[in-house]
Amino acid sequence: MTGKIVKDIMATDCVTVGLQDNVFEIALKMKQHDIGFIPVVEGRKLIGVVTDRDLVLRGYAEKKSGSAAVREVMSDGIETIDSQTKIEEAAKIMAKQQVRRLPVVENGELVGIVAIGDLAVRGKFEDEAGEALSQISSDKNNVKVH
């Protein structure tokens, strides 16, 4: 297990949206693919992400219509990692950034996504993934997990 890198575990069949898409199309893709995280790309270049939480907080709670532009709800300036990043380092970044998924990029282009669940199934990294998830969950909800 030692020396495993993100490329070994990342998902490469990423569902994406572009700036030409709208809030309704994002929600529809999330429903169709049973996901809550979609990278926003121009060609293959990663420019942001939209989460189900983004849709709620920046979309519906702000009374945006289904035809609102992706840019109105997406998060930009997000943390990314390289496919050669060690799995241990990815777990630490997720814990520090309090995120469950990290886009994997090479030369600015999206090549995959690594999720906290990908880390958890790798045996040796269950503790790191569990600790990262515990920190993310407790900090997001202001509830300490014991």
Protein backbone atom coordinates (compact mmCIF):
# COMPACT_ATOMS: atom_id res chain seq x y z
CA MET A 1 0.00 0.00 0.00
CA THR A 2 2.85 2.39 0.69
CA GLY A 3 3.49 4.82 -2.11
CA LYS A 4 0.01 4.67 -3.64
CA ILE A 5 -0.90 7.80 -5.50
CA VAL A 6 -4.17 9.50 -6.34
CA LYS A 7 -4.01 8.24 -9.94
CA ASP A 8 -4.42 4.69 -8.57
CA ILE A 9 -7.80 5.42 -6.96
CA MET A 10 -9.35 8.47 -8.66
CA ALA A 11 -12.52 8.34 -10.74
CA THR A 12 -11.91 9.36 -14.34
CA ASP A 13 -15.46 9.19 -15.71
CA CYS A 14 -16.39 12.67 -14.49
CA VAL A 15 -19.75 14.27 -15.18
CA THR A 16 -19.11 17.95 -15.96
CA VAL A 17 -20.93 21.14 -16.92
CA GLY A 18 -19.82 24.21 -18.82
CA LEU A 19 -20.52 27.91 -18.41
CA GLN A 20 -23.26 27.64 -21.05
CA ASP A 21 -25.27 25.36 -18.72
CA ASN A 22 -27.77 26.61 -16.16
CA VAL A 23 -28.93 25.73 -12.64
CA PHE A 24 -31.72 23.44 -13.87
CA GLU A 25 -29.28 21.46 -16.06
CA ILE A 26 -26.88 21.06 -13.12
CA ALA A 27 -29.67 19.79 -10.86
CA LEU A 28 -30.85 17.40 -13.58
CA LYS A 29 -27.33 15.94 -14.03
CA MET A 30 -27.00 15.53 -10.26
CA LYS A 31 -30.29 13.64 -10.18
CA GLN A 32 -29.54 11.50 -13.26
CA HIS A 33 -26.10 10.47 -12.00
CA ASP A 34 -26.92 10.46 -8.24
CA ILE A 35 -24.09 12.87 -7.45
CA GLY A 36 -23.76 16.10 -5.48
CA PHE A 37 -20.55 17.48 -7.00
CA ILE A 38 -19.97 18.55 -10.61
CA PRO A 39 -16.82 20.20 -11.99
CA VAL A 40 -17.29 23.21 -14.26
CA VAL A 41 -14.99 23.11 -17.28
CA GLU A 42 -14.16 25.11 -20.40
CA GLY A 43 -13.05 22.39 -22.78
CA ARG A 44 -11.02 20.27 -20.33
CA LYS A 45 -9.84 23.24 -18.23
CA LEU A 46 -11.25 23.22 -14.69
CA ILE A 47 -12.73 26.60 -13.76
CA GLY A 48 -14.84 25.69 -10.72
CA VAL A 49 -17.25 23.21 -9.16
CA VAL A 50 -20.90 23.14 -8.20
CA THR A 51 -22.08 21.14 -5.20
CA ASP A 52 -25.64 20.37 -4.15
CA ARG A 53 -24.98 22.77 -1.27
CA ASP A 54 -23.99 25.51 -3.76
CA LEU A 55 -27.31 24.98 -5.56
CA VAL A 56 -29.22 25.42 -2.33
CA LEU A 57 -27.30 28.32 -0.80
CA ARG A 58 -26.38 30.34 -3.90
CA GLY A 59 -29.27 29.20 -6.06
CA TYR A 60 -32.59 28.42 -4.48
CA ALA A 61 -32.06 30.32 -1.19
CA GLU A 62 -31.16 33.38 -3.27
CA LYS A 63 -34.32 32.85 -5.36
CA LYS A 64 -32.35 32.17 -8.54
CA SER A 65 -34.40 30.63 -11.33
CA GLY A 66 -33.60 27.37 -13.06
CA SER A 67 -32.28 29.39 -15.98
CA ALA A 68 -29.63 31.13 -13.80
CA ALA A 69 -26.10 30.74 -15.13
CA VAL A 70 -23.61 28.23 -13.73
CA ARG A 71 -21.31 31.11 -12.78
CA GLU A 72 -23.95 32.41 -10.33
CA VAL A 73 -23.80 29.26 -8.17
CA MET A 74 -20.35 27.73 -8.75
CA SER A 75 -17.41 27.80 -6.36
CA ASP A 76 -14.13 28.87 -7.90
CA GLY A 77 -10.62 29.09 -6.51
CA ILE A 78 -11.00 25.53 -5.26
CA GLU A 79 -8.25 23.26 -4.02
CA THR A 80 -7.01 20.76 -6.60
CA ILE A 81 -4.36 18.05 -6.58
CA ASP A 82 -2.11 16.39 -9.11
CA SER A 83 -2.59 12.74 -10.08
CA GLN A 84 0.87 11.95 -8.66
CA THR A 85 -0.07 13.19 -5.16
CA LYS A 86 0.34 10.51 -2.48
CA ILE A 87 -2.92 9.23 -1.02
CA GLU A 88 -1.85 10.24 2.51
CA GLU A 89 -1.36 13.81 1.32
CA ALA A 90 -4.79 13.86 -0.38
CA ALA A 91 -6.40 12.78 2.94
CA LYS A 92 -4.58 15.58 4.78
CA ILE A 93 -5.68 18.17 2.21
CA MET A 94 -9.31 17.02 2.47
CA ALA A 95 -9.21 17.30 6.26
CA LYS A 96 -7.54 20.72 6.18
CA GLN A 97 -9.85 22.11 3.48
CA GLN A 98 -12.91 20.36 4.97
CA VAL A 99 -13.96 18.85 1.65
CA ARG A 100 -15.10 15.37 0.66
CA ARG A 101 -13.88 15.54 -2.95
CA LEU A 102 -10.88 16.99 -4.74
CA PRO A 103 -10.61 17.59 -8.48
CA VAL A 104 -7.46 16.06 -9.95
CA VAL A 105 -5.81 18.25 -12.58
CA GLU A 106 -2.80 18.09 -14.85
CA ASN A 107 -1.73 21.31 -16.58
CA GLY A 108 -5.01 22.91 -15.46
CA GLU A 109 -7.09 20.20 -17.16
CA LEU A 110 -9.48 17.97 -15.23
CA VAL A 111 -8.35 14.34 -15.32
CA GLY A 112 -10.34 12.91 -12.42
CA ILE A 113 -11.88 13.30 -8.98
CA VAL A 114 -10.80 11.68 -5.75
CA ALA A 115 -13.44 11.29 -3.04
CA ILE A 116 -13.06 10.59 0.64
CA GLY A 117 -14.79 7.25 0.00
CA ASP A 118 -11.99 6.32 -2.44
CA LEU A 119 -9.52 6.78 0.41
CA ALA A 120 -11.62 4.83 2.90
CA VAL A 121 -11.61 1.62 0.85
CA ARG A 122 -7.85 1.50 0.74
CA GLY A 123 -7.35 -0.27 4.08
CA LYS A 124 -4.27 1.49 5.38
CA PHE A 125 -5.89 4.87 4.84
CA GLU A 126 -9.17 4.16 6.61
CA ASP A 127 -7.97 5.98 9.72
CA GLU A 128 -6.89 9.07 7.76
CA ALA A 129 -10.12 9.11 5.76
CA GLY A 130 -12.20 8.57 8.88
CA GLU A 131 -10.40 11.36 10.71
CA ALA A 132 -10.80 13.68 7.71
CA LEU A 133 -14.50 12.88 7.46
CA SER A 134 -14.94 13.33 11.22
CA GLN A 135 -13.29 16.77 11.08
CA ILE A 136 -15.32 17.79 8.01
CA SER A 137 -18.62 16.63 9.51
CA SER A 138 -18.08 18.11 12.96
CA ASP A 139 -16.82 21.46 11.67
CA LYS A 140 -19.58 21.82 9.06
CA ASN A 141 -22.34 21.08 11.57
CA ASN A 142 -20.68 22.70 14.60
CA VAL A 143 -21.18 19.37 16.36
CA LYS A 144 -18.34 17.38 17.80
CA VAL A 145 -18.24 13.75 16.66
CA HIS A 146 -17.06 11.30 19.34
